[in-house]
Amino acid sequence: MPELPEVEVVRRGLERWVAGRTVTAVEVLHPRAVRRHAGGGADFAARLTGETFGVPRRRGKYLWLPLEEREHSVLGHLGMSGQLLVQPEGAPDEKHLRIRVRFADDAGTELRFVDQRTFGGLSLHPCVPDSAEGLPDVIAHIARDPLDPLFDEAAYHLALRSKRTTVKRALLDQSLISGVGNIYADESLWRAKLHYERPTATLTRPRSTELLGHVRDVMNEALAVGGTSFDSLYVNVNGESGYFDRSLDAYGREDEPCRRCGTPMRRRPWMNRSSYFCPHCQRSSRVAS
């Protein structure tokens, strides 16, 4: 599933190609693509037609397009395979095209939502009152992400110390810190030499500050190369893949030598996912800072 860097790459593409454009027609080609919109496909198309998109926004892994009147925003769920593509008008339809948005200008492009597995979709939601970002009310509970200038580091460190949980669970808790998923959690923990099951209560302020720094470094490095693509399902708005998978130090490297000490990397089942770690650098018994 796309994490912060992948969603931010898509957001930047939408800012360049979609912001400021007025919708002239919407086609909903599959009902599941608008299942989170209470009024259904016809209502979604009718309410979006004639509206003008503002600057796309993101909070963690959540992406939305504010409407210029600021009372509603279009929330995009990419799910496992969702793609927001800017394509030339008249280009052949993708096999899994779900929604088409046409614009009232002569730019010659349209916005398409393509989703092979139909776990994603678009939906229209009221904005949080007085939200300058047009934040949809359904994601108001999501914490700010570590790249957000308004991210509250003091509150985050306090929450880590007070919660009875483990460090990887805390990194994936979107009410504490948003945007971090399985891939970038493993990468950050490897850089910090922390085992994924280490209790958060054992982390000192300097240690949690160091971890947060690694999270930011990993995110920024992934952003610089377009995110992580393991297959053709994650692409930017122009259909291009990211290349951070070539730089991964932990995720997906089972039995390969640790790039720090040479010990074979391990994979363990974890919450219906996998955790990749170095058994030497990230010892489970290590609780001292």
C-alpha atoms as a PDB file:
ATOM      1  CA  MET A   1       0.000   0.000   0.000  1.00  0.00           C
ATOM      2  CA  PRO A   2       1.383   3.467  -0.816  1.00  0.00           C
ATOM      3  CA  GLU A   3       2.992   5.300   2.084  1.00  0.00           C
ATOM      4  CA  LEU A   4       3.764   8.980   2.552  1.00  0.00           C
ATOM      5  CA  PRO A   5       6.451   9.364  -0.165  1.00  0.00           C
ATOM      6  CA  GLU A   6       4.349   7.652  -2.832  1.00  0.00           C
ATOM      7  CA  VAL A   7       1.250   9.688  -1.985  1.00  0.00           C
ATOM      8  CA  GLU A   8       3.258  12.913  -1.898  1.00  0.00           C
ATOM      9  CA  VAL A   9       4.668  12.177  -5.371  1.00  0.00           C
ATOM     10  CA  VAL A  10       1.100  11.805  -6.662  1.00  0.00           C
ATOM     11  CA  ARG A  11       0.031  14.980  -4.831  1.00  0.00           C
ATOM     12  CA  ARG A  12       2.792  16.995  -6.469  1.00  0.00           C
ATOM     13  CA  GLY A  13       1.768  15.729  -9.883  1.00  0.00           C
ATOM     14  CA  LEU A  14      -1.853  16.684  -9.262  1.00  0.00           C
ATOM     15  CA  GLU A  15      -0.769  20.131  -8.088  1.00  0.00           C
ATOM     16  CA  ARG A  16       1.006  20.661 -11.391  1.00  0.00           C
ATOM     17  CA  TRP A  17      -1.627  19.229 -13.721  1.00  0.00           C
ATOM     18  CA  VAL A  18      -5.018  19.534 -11.976  1.00  0.00           C
ATOM     19  CA  ALA A  19      -5.023  22.485  -9.543  1.00  0.00           C
ATOM     20  CA  GLY A  20      -7.098  25.429 -10.738  1.00  0.00           C
ATOM     21  CA  ARG A  21      -9.000  23.419 -13.363  1.00  0.00           C
ATOM     22  CA  THR A  22     -12.799  23.367 -13.525  1.00  0.00           C
ATOM     23  CA  VAL A  23     -14.642  20.067 -13.923  1.00  0.00           C
ATOM     24  CA  THR A  24     -16.969  19.848 -16.896  1.00  0.00           C
ATOM     25  CA  ALA A  25     -17.949  16.157 -16.768  1.00  0.00           C
ATOM     26  CA  VAL A  26     -17.474  13.092 -14.555  1.00  0.00           C
ATOM     27  CA  GLU A  27     -17.960   9.453 -15.553  1.00  0.00           C
ATOM     28  CA  VAL A  28     -18.200   6.822 -12.804  1.00  0.00           C
ATOM     29  CA  LEU A  29     -17.498   3.516 -14.516  1.00  0.00           C
ATOM     30  CA  HIS A  30     -17.543   1.209 -11.491  1.00  0.00           C
ATOM     31  CA  PRO A  31     -19.758   1.613  -8.393  1.00  0.00           C
ATOM     32  CA  ARG A  32     -17.080   0.387  -5.966  1.00  0.00           C
ATOM     33  CA  ALA A  33     -14.906   3.358  -6.900  1.00  0.00           C
ATOM     34  CA  VAL A  34     -17.390   5.691  -5.162  1.00  0.00           C
ATOM     35  CA  ARG A  35     -18.651   3.357  -2.439  1.00  0.00           C
ATOM     36  CA  ARG A  36     -17.402   5.744   0.266  1.00  0.00           C
ATOM     37  CA  HIS A  37     -19.513   8.547  -1.223  1.00  0.00           C
ATOM     38  CA  ALA A  38     -22.883   8.431   0.519  1.00  0.00           C
ATOM     39  CA  GLY A  39     -24.891   9.545  -2.502  1.00  0.00           C
ATOM     40  CA  GLY A  40     -23.482   7.033  -5.012  1.00  0.00           C
ATOM     41  CA  GLY A  41     -22.012   7.539  -8.460  1.00  0.00           C
ATOM     42  CA  ALA A  42     -24.643   9.794 -10.004  1.00  0.00           C
ATOM     43  CA  ASP A  43     -24.601  12.134  -7.009  1.00  0.00           C
ATOM     44  CA  PHE A  44     -20.784  12.237  -6.960  1.00  0.00           C
ATOM     45  CA  ALA A  45     -20.666  13.155 -10.663  1.00  0.00           C
ATOM     46  CA  ALA A  46     -23.407  15.779 -10.365  1.00  0.00           C
ATOM     47  CA  ARG A  47     -21.917  17.496  -7.317  1.00  0.00           C
ATOM     48  CA  LEU A  48     -18.379  17.585  -8.722  1.00  0.00           C
ATOM     49  CA  THR A  49     -19.351  18.928 -12.150  1.00  0.00           C
ATOM     50  CA  GLY A  50     -18.769  22.667 -12.359  1.00  0.00           C
ATOM     51  CA  GLU A  51     -16.435  22.758  -9.362  1.00  0.00           C
ATOM     52  CA  THR A  52     -12.832  23.993  -9.512  1.00  0.00           C
ATOM     53  CA  PHE A  53     -10.021  22.112  -7.820  1.00  0.00           C
ATOM     54  CA  GLY A  54      -7.754  23.936  -5.376  1.00  0.00           C
ATOM     55  CA  VAL A  55      -4.215  22.871  -4.484  1.00  0.00           C
ATOM     56  CA  PRO A  56      -4.149  19.145  -3.621  1.00  0.00           C
ATOM     57  CA  ARG A  57      -3.309  18.363  -0.002  1.00  0.00           C
ATOM     58  CA  ARG A  58      -1.999  15.399   1.951  1.00  0.00           C
ATOM     59  CA  ARG A  59      -1.921  14.237   5.541  1.00  0.00           C
ATOM     60  CA  GLY A  60       0.205  11.133   5.939  1.00  0.00           C
ATOM     61  CA  LYS A  61      -1.091   8.599   3.426  1.00  0.00           C
ATOM     62  CA  TYR A  62      -4.358  10.492   2.814  1.00  0.00           C
ATOM     63  CA  LEU A  63      -4.737  12.682  -0.258  1.00  0.00           C
ATOM     64  CA  TRP A  64      -7.504  15.151  -1.034  1.00  0.00           C
ATOM     65  CA  LEU A  65      -8.406  17.792  -3.589  1.00  0.00           C
ATOM     66  CA  PRO A  66     -10.104  20.822  -2.027  1.00  0.00           C
ATOM     67  CA  LEU A  67     -12.786  22.541  -4.033  1.00  0.00           C
ATOM     68  CA  GLU A  68     -12.332  26.276  -4.333  1.00  0.00           C
ATOM     69  CA  GLU A  69     -15.529  27.005  -2.449  1.00  0.00           C
ATOM     70  CA  ARG A  70     -13.799  25.222   0.497  1.00  0.00           C
ATOM     71  CA  GLU A  71     -16.876  23.559   1.966  1.00  0.00           C
ATOM     72  CA  HIS A  72     -16.140  20.129   0.465  1.00  0.00           C
ATOM     73  CA  SER A  73     -13.100  18.181  -0.684  1.00  0.00           C
ATOM     74  CA  VAL A  74     -12.590  15.084  -2.832  1.00  0.00           C
ATOM     75  CA  LEU A  75     -10.818  12.450  -0.772  1.00  0.00           C
ATOM     76  CA  GLY A  76      -8.732   9.936  -2.690  1.00  0.00           C
ATOM     77  CA  HIS A  77      -8.209   6.408  -1.367  1.00  0.00           C
ATOM     78  CA  LEU A  78      -5.467   4.702  -3.384  1.00  0.00           C
ATOM     79  CA  GLY A  79      -5.857   1.398  -1.537  1.00  0.00           C
ATOM     80  CA  MET A  80      -3.606  -1.387  -2.821  1.00  0.00           C
ATOM     81  CA  SER A  81      -3.629  -0.524  -6.510  1.00  0.00           C
ATOM     82  CA  GLY A  82      -5.320   2.849  -7.055  1.00  0.00           C
ATOM     83  CA  GLN A  83      -3.746   5.260  -9.532  1.00  0.00           C
ATOM     84  CA  LEU A  84      -4.610   8.892 -10.275  1.00  0.00           C
ATOM     85  CA  LEU A  85      -3.380   9.487 -13.812  1.00  0.00           C
ATOM     86  CA  VAL A  86      -3.367  12.601 -15.986  1.00  0.00           C
ATOM     87  CA  GLN A  87      -3.854  11.319 -19.528  1.00  0.00           C
ATOM     88  CA  PRO A  88      -4.349  12.947 -22.933  1.00  0.00           C
ATOM     89  CA  GLU A  89      -7.975  13.180 -23.998  1.00  0.00           C
ATOM     90  CA  GLY A  90      -8.670  10.390 -26.421  1.00  0.00           C
ATOM     91  CA  ALA A  91      -5.923   8.128 -25.117  1.00  0.00           C
ATOM     92  CA  PRO A  92      -7.039   4.489 -24.914  1.00  0.00           C
ATOM     93  CA  ASP A  93      -8.873   3.652 -21.710  1.00  0.00           C
ATOM     94  CA  GLU A  94      -6.936   1.634 -19.158  1.00  0.00           C
ATOM     95  CA  LYS A  95      -8.295  -1.855 -18.513  1.00  0.00           C
ATOM     96  CA  HIS A  96      -9.241  -0.961 -14.947  1.00  0.00           C
ATOM     97  CA  LEU A  97     -10.417   2.605 -15.482  1.00  0.00           C
ATOM     98  CA  ARG A  98     -13.007   3.421 -12.785  1.00  0.00           C
ATOM     99  CA  ILE A  99     -13.581   7.206 -12.914  1.00  0.00           C
ATOM    100  CA  ARG A 100     -12.917   9.820 -15.596  1.00  0.00           C
ATOM    101  CA  VAL A 101     -12.886  13.577 -14.915  1.00  0.00           C
ATOM    102  CA  ARG A 102     -12.936  16.033 -17.836  1.00  0.00           C
ATOM    103  CA  PHE A 103     -12.097  19.714 -17.598  1.00  0.00           C
ATOM    104  CA  ALA A 104     -13.449  22.922 -19.120  1.00  0.00           C
ATOM    105  CA  ASP A 105     -10.230  24.120 -20.743  1.00  0.00           C
ATOM    106  CA  ASP A 106      -8.044  23.428 -23.743  1.00  0.00           C
ATOM    107  CA  ALA A 107      -5.179  21.684 -21.899  1.00  0.00           C
ATOM    108  CA  GLY A 108      -6.054  18.456 -23.674  1.00  0.00           C
ATOM    109  CA  THR A 109      -5.779  16.206 -20.611  1.00  0.00           C
ATOM    110  CA  GLU A 110      -8.173  14.496 -18.228  1.00  0.00           C
ATOM    111  CA  LEU A 111      -7.893  12.936 -14.769  1.00  0.00           C
ATOM    112  CA  ARG A 112      -8.440   9.198 -14.497  1.00  0.00           C
ATOM    113  CA  PHE A 113      -8.794   6.961 -11.457  1.00  0.00           C
ATOM    114  CA  VAL A 114      -7.565   3.464 -12.297  1.00  0.00           C
ATOM    115  CA  ASP A 115      -7.810   0.636  -9.768  1.00  0.00           C
ATOM    116  CA  GLN A 116      -7.216  -3.018 -10.553  1.00  0.00           C
ATOM    117  CA  ARG A 117      -8.260  -4.416  -7.173  1.00  0.00           C
ATOM    118  CA  THR A 118     -11.039  -1.855  -6.484  1.00  0.00           C
ATOM    119  CA  PHE A 119      -9.993  -1.312  -2.857  1.00  0.00           C
ATOM    120  CA  GLY A 120      -9.564   2.421  -3.469  1.00  0.00           C
ATOM    121  CA  GLY A 121     -11.899   5.156  -4.626  1.00  0.00           C
ATOM    122  CA  LEU A 122     -12.927   8.811  -4.592  1.00  0.00           C
ATOM    123  CA  SER A 123     -15.526  10.433  -2.354  1.00  0.00           C
ATOM    124  CA  LEU A 124     -16.798  13.918  -1.565  1.00  0.00           C
ATOM    125  CA  HIS A 125     -16.825  15.018   2.090  1.00  0.00           C
ATOM    126  CA  PRO A 126     -17.523  18.173   4.100  1.00  0.00           C
ATOM    127  CA  CYS A 127     -14.420  19.994   5.299  1.00  0.00           C
ATOM    128  CA  VAL A 128     -13.554  20.500   8.940  1.00  0.00           C
ATOM    129  CA  PRO A 129     -14.966  23.949   9.870  1.00  0.00           C
ATOM    130  CA  ASP A 130     -12.434  26.756   9.421  1.00  0.00           C
ATOM    131  CA  SER A 131      -9.860  24.392   7.927  1.00  0.00           C
ATOM    132  CA  ALA A 132      -7.529  26.386   5.690  1.00  0.00           C
ATOM    133  CA  GLU A 133      -6.446  23.124   4.046  1.00  0.00           C
ATOM    134  CA  GLY A 134      -9.973  21.932   3.268  1.00  0.00           C
ATOM    135  CA  LEU A 135      -9.369  18.882   5.491  1.00  0.00           C
ATOM    136  CA  PRO A 136     -12.176  16.297   5.002  1.00  0.00           C
ATOM    137  CA  ASP A 137     -13.983  15.669   8.263  1.00  0.00           C
ATOM    138  CA  VAL A 138     -13.628  11.881   7.955  1.00  0.00           C
ATOM    139  CA  ILE A 139      -9.841  12.086   8.415  1.00  0.00           C
ATOM    140  CA  ALA A 140      -9.735  14.796  11.080  1.00  0.00           C
ATOM    141  CA  HIS A 141      -8.497  12.203  13.595  1.00  0.00           C
ATOM    142  CA  ILE A 142      -5.374  11.420  11.563  1.00  0.00           C
ATOM    143  CA  ALA A 143      -2.192  12.825  13.087  1.00  0.00           C
ATOM    144  CA  ARG A 144       0.121  15.124  11.178  1.00  0.00           C
ATOM    145  CA  ASP A 145       3.060  13.441   9.479  1.00  0.00           C
ATOM    146  CA  PRO A 146       6.756  13.896  10.326  1.00  0.00           C
ATOM    147  CA  LEU A 147       7.390  16.095   7.278  1.00  0.00           C
ATOM    148  CA  ASP A 148       4.596  18.502   8.250  1.00  0.00           C
ATOM    149  CA  PRO A 149       6.009  21.780   9.652  1.00  0.00           C
ATOM    150  CA  LEU A 150       3.238  21.693  12.290  1.00  0.00           C
ATOM    151  CA  PHE A 151       4.102  18.190  13.530  1.00  0.00           C
ATOM    152  CA  ASP A 152       4.242  18.342  17.354  1.00  0.00           C
ATOM    153  CA  GLU A 153       7.464  16.545  18.333  1.00  0.00           C
ATOM    154  CA  ALA A 154       7.026  17.106  22.074  1.00  0.00           C
ATOM    155  CA  ALA A 155       3.552  15.552  22.044  1.00  0.00           C
ATOM    156  CA  TYR A 156       4.815  12.630  19.970  1.00  0.00           C
ATOM    157  CA  HIS A 157       7.672  11.850  22.366  1.00  0.00           C
ATOM    158  CA  LEU A 158       5.307  12.059  25.337  1.00  0.00           C
ATOM    159  CA  ALA A 159       2.835   9.710  23.644  1.00  0.00           C
ATOM    160  CA  LEU A 160       5.579   7.169  22.937  1.00  0.00           C
ATOM    161  CA  ARG A 161       6.639   7.085  26.569  1.00  0.00           C
ATOM    162  CA  SER A 162       3.091   6.867  27.914  1.00  0.00           C
ATOM    163  CA  LYS A 163       1.655   4.207  25.581  1.00  0.00           C
ATOM    164  CA  ARG A 164       2.014   0.530  26.441  1.00  0.00           C
ATOM    165  CA  THR A 165       2.998  -0.650  23.011  1.00  0.00           C
ATOM    166  CA  THR A 166       6.016  -1.543  20.906  1.00  0.00           C
ATOM    167  CA  VAL A 167       7.968   0.764  18.661  1.00  0.00           C
ATOM    168  CA  LYS A 168       6.821  -0.528  15.276  1.00  0.00           C
ATOM    169  CA  ARG A 169       3.176  -0.528  16.342  1.00  0.00           C
ATOM    170  CA  ALA A 170       3.639   3.085  17.419  1.00  0.00           C
ATOM    171  CA  LEU A 171       5.176   4.047  14.071  1.00  0.00           C
ATOM    172  CA  LEU A 172       2.165   2.586  12.266  1.00  0.00           C
ATOM    173  CA  ASP A 173      -0.393   4.171  14.607  1.00  0.00           C
ATOM    174  CA  GLN A 174      -1.911   6.891  12.407  1.00  0.00           C
ATOM    175  CA  SER A 175      -3.329   8.674  15.455  1.00  0.00           C
ATOM    176  CA  LEU A 176       0.240   9.269  16.709  1.00  0.00           C
ATOM    177  CA  ILE A 177       2.160   9.848  13.492  1.00  0.00           C
ATOM    178  CA  SER A 178       0.803   9.474   9.980  1.00  0.00           C
ATOM    179  CA  GLY A 179       2.323   8.393   6.710  1.00  0.00           C
ATOM    180  CA  VAL A 180       4.583   5.617   7.980  1.00  0.00           C
ATOM    181  CA  GLY A 181       3.753   2.133   6.721  1.00  0.00           C
ATOM    182  CA  ASN A 182       5.415  -1.254   6.911  1.00  0.00           C
ATOM    183  CA  ILE A 183       8.228  -0.541   4.452  1.00  0.00           C
ATOM    184  CA  TYR A 184       9.466   2.731   5.891  1.00  0.00           C
ATOM    185  CA  ALA A 185       8.994   1.559   9.491  1.00  0.00           C
ATOM    186  CA  ASP A 186      11.387  -1.335   8.866  1.00  0.00           C
ATOM    187  CA  GLU A 187      13.853   0.974   7.126  1.00  0.00           C
ATOM    188  CA  SER A 188      13.787   3.525   9.945  1.00  0.00           C
ATOM    189  CA  LEU A 189      14.153   0.890  12.672  1.00  0.00           C
ATOM    190  CA  TRP A 190      17.130  -0.668  10.859  1.00  0.00           C
ATOM    191  CA  ARG A 191      18.843   2.712  10.687  1.00  0.00           C
ATOM    192  CA  ALA A 192      18.127   3.336  14.374  1.00  0.00           C
ATOM    193  CA  LYS A 193      19.310  -0.199  15.352  1.00  0.00           C
ATOM    194  CA  LEU A 194      16.014  -0.834  17.122  1.00  0.00           C
ATOM    195  CA  HIS A 195      14.134  -4.140  17.235  1.00  0.00           C
ATOM    196  CA  TYR A 196      10.543  -3.812  16.063  1.00  0.00           C
ATOM    197  CA  GLU A 197       9.179  -5.267  19.333  1.00  0.00           C
ATOM    198  CA  ARG A 198      11.038  -2.909  21.651  1.00  0.00           C
ATOM    199  CA  PRO A 199       8.635  -1.360  24.205  1.00  0.00           C
ATOM    200  CA  THR A 200       8.135   2.352  23.606  1.00  0.00           C
ATOM    201  CA  ALA A 201       8.325   3.001  27.347  1.00  0.00           C
ATOM    202  CA  THR A 202      12.038   2.141  27.219  1.00  0.00           C
ATOM    203  CA  LEU A 203      12.839   4.855  24.684  1.00  0.00           C
ATOM    204  CA  THR A 204      14.546   7.927  26.069  1.00  0.00           C
ATOM    205  CA  ARG A 205      13.861  11.312  24.529  1.00  0.00           C
ATOM    206  CA  PRO A 206      17.236  11.321  22.668  1.00  0.00           C
ATOM    207  CA  ARG A 207      16.534   7.812  21.344  1.00  0.00           C
ATOM    208  CA  SER A 208      13.041   8.648  20.089  1.00  0.00           C
ATOM    209  CA  THR A 209      14.377  11.897  18.586  1.00  0.00           C
ATOM    210  CA  GLU A 210      17.007   9.879  16.736  1.00  0.00           C
ATOM    211  CA  LEU A 211      14.354   7.482  15.429  1.00  0.00           C
ATOM    212  CA  LEU A 212      12.180  10.360  14.244  1.00  0.00           C
ATOM    213  CA  GLY A 213      15.178  11.766  12.403  1.00  0.00           C
ATOM    214  CA  HIS A 214      15.677   8.454  10.612  1.00  0.00           C
ATOM    215  CA  VAL A 215      11.982   8.370   9.677  1.00  0.00           C
ATOM    216  CA  ARG A 216      12.321  11.803   8.091  1.00  0.00           C
ATOM    217  CA  ASP A 217      15.548  10.880   6.306  1.00  0.00           C
ATOM    218  CA  VAL A 218      14.008   7.730   4.816  1.00  0.00           C
ATOM    219  CA  MET A 219      10.914   9.620   3.684  1.00  0.00           C
ATOM    220  CA  ASN A 220      12.925  12.416   2.063  1.00  0.00           C
ATOM    221  CA  GLU A 221      15.274  10.004   0.318  1.00  0.00           C
ATOM    222  CA  ALA A 222      12.320   8.038  -1.045  1.00  0.00           C
ATOM    223  CA  LEU A 223      10.665  11.252  -2.222  1.00  0.00           C
ATOM    224  CA  ALA A 224      13.809  12.242  -4.110  1.00  0.00           C
ATOM    225  CA  VAL A 225      13.565   9.144  -6.323  1.00  0.00           C
ATOM    226  CA  GLY A 226       9.783   9.012  -6.712  1.00  0.00           C
ATOM    227  CA  GLY A 227       8.916   6.575  -3.922  1.00  0.00           C
ATOM    228  CA  THR A 228       9.015   2.780  -3.851  1.00  0.00           C
ATOM    229  CA  SER A 229       7.589   0.630  -6.649  1.00  0.00           C
ATOM    230  CA  PHE A 230       7.674  -3.145  -6.402  1.00  0.00           C
ATOM    231  CA  ASP A 231       5.351  -3.624  -9.387  1.00  0.00           C
ATOM    232  CA  SER A 232       3.408  -1.599 -11.936  1.00  0.00           C
ATOM    233  CA  LEU A 233       0.567  -0.783  -9.530  1.00  0.00           C
ATOM    234  CA  TYR A 234       2.251   2.220  -7.925  1.00  0.00           C
ATOM    235  CA  VAL A 235       3.008   4.998 -10.419  1.00  0.00           C
ATOM    236  CA  ASN A 236       2.894   8.789 -10.428  1.00  0.00           C
ATOM    237  CA  VAL A 237       0.333  10.804 -12.392  1.00  0.00           C
ATOM    238  CA  ASN A 238       2.360  10.300 -15.581  1.00  0.00           C
ATOM    239  CA  GLY A 239       2.503   6.525 -15.129  1.00  0.00           C
ATOM    240  CA  GLU A 240       6.155   6.443 -14.003  1.00  0.00           C
ATOM    241  CA  SER A 241       7.496   4.161 -11.269  1.00  0.00           C
ATOM    242  CA  GLY A 242       9.604   5.131  -8.261  1.00  0.00           C
ATOM    243  CA  TYR A 243      13.072   3.734  -7.606  1.00  0.00           C
ATOM    244  CA  PHE A 244      13.603   3.698  -3.824  1.00  0.00           C
ATOM    245  CA  ASP A 245      13.250  -0.105  -3.796  1.00  0.00           C
ATOM    246  CA  ARG A 246      16.833  -0.166  -5.096  1.00  0.00           C
ATOM    247  CA  SER A 247      17.988   1.610  -1.913  1.00  0.00           C
ATOM    248  CA  LEU A 248      16.110  -0.422   0.708  1.00  0.00           C
ATOM    249  CA  ASP A 249      18.347  -1.642   3.540  1.00  0.00           C
ATOM    250  CA  ALA A 250      15.845  -3.854   5.384  1.00  0.00           C
ATOM    251  CA  TYR A 251      12.487  -4.435   3.715  1.00  0.00           C
ATOM    252  CA  GLY A 252      12.413  -7.416   1.334  1.00  0.00           C
ATOM    253  CA  ARG A 253      16.031  -8.424   2.050  1.00  0.00           C
ATOM    254  CA  GLU A 254      15.496 -11.752   3.854  1.00  0.00           C
ATOM    255  CA  ASP A 255      18.706 -13.845   3.947  1.00  0.00           C
ATOM    256  CA  GLU A 256      20.710 -11.088   2.267  1.00  0.00           C
ATOM    257  CA  PRO A 257      23.689  -9.690   4.221  1.00  0.00           C
ATOM    258  CA  CYS A 258      23.055  -6.710   6.468  1.00  0.00           C
ATOM    259  CA  ARG A 259      24.672  -3.723   4.829  1.00  0.00           C
ATOM    260  CA  ARG A 260      26.114  -2.695   8.189  1.00  0.00           C
ATOM    261  CA  CYS A 261      27.480  -5.918   9.719  1.00  0.00           C
ATOM    262  CA  GLY A 262      27.038  -8.662   7.106  1.00  0.00           C
ATOM    263  CA  THR A 263      24.681 -10.833   9.201  1.00  0.00           C
ATOM    264  CA  PRO A 264      21.884 -12.422   7.119  1.00  0.00           C
ATOM    265  CA  MET A 265      18.695 -10.365   7.399  1.00  0.00           C
ATOM    266  CA  ARG A 266      15.620 -12.068   8.834  1.00  0.00           C
ATOM    267  CA  ARG A 267      11.892 -11.840   8.193  1.00  0.00           C
ATOM    268  CA  ARG A 268       9.280 -12.560  10.822  1.00  0.00           C
ATOM    269  CA  PRO A 269       5.457 -12.616  10.519  1.00  0.00           C
ATOM    270  CA  TRP A 270       4.011  -9.547  12.219  1.00  0.00           C
ATOM    271  CA  MET A 271       0.364  -8.426  12.387  1.00  0.00           C
ATOM    272  CA  ASN A 272      -0.551 -10.139   9.088  1.00  0.00           C
ATOM    273  CA  ARG A 273       2.539  -8.537   7.532  1.00  0.00           C
ATOM    274  CA  SER A 274       6.276  -9.104   7.781  1.00  0.00           C
ATOM    275  CA  SER A 275       9.058  -7.427   9.693  1.00  0.00           C
ATOM    276  CA  TYR A 276      12.564  -7.393   8.233  1.00  0.00           C
ATOM    277  CA  PHE A 277      15.478  -6.824  10.581  1.00  0.00           C
ATOM    278  CA  CYS A 278      19.108  -7.642  11.353  1.00  0.00           C
ATOM    279  CA  PRO A 279      19.356 -10.072  14.306  1.00  0.00           C
ATOM    280  CA  HIS A 280      22.774  -8.669  15.225  1.00  0.00           C
ATOM    281  CA  CYS A 281      22.203  -4.922  14.870  1.00  0.00           C
ATOM    282  CA  GLN A 282      18.594  -4.987  16.115  1.00  0.00           C
ATOM    283  CA  ARG A 283      18.697  -7.433  19.014  1.00  0.00           C
ATOM    284  CA  SER A 284      15.368  -8.027  20.720  1.00  0.00           C
ATOM    285  CA  SER A 285      16.969  -8.027  24.154  1.00  0.00           C
ATOM    286  CA  ARG A 286      18.449  -4.569  23.695  1.00  0.00           C
ATOM    287  CA  VAL A 287      16.479  -2.176  25.902  1.00  0.00           C
ATOM    288  CA  ALA A 288      19.199   0.172  27.056  1.00  0.00           C
ATOM    289  CA  SER A 289      19.677   3.408  25.138  1.00  0.00           C
END
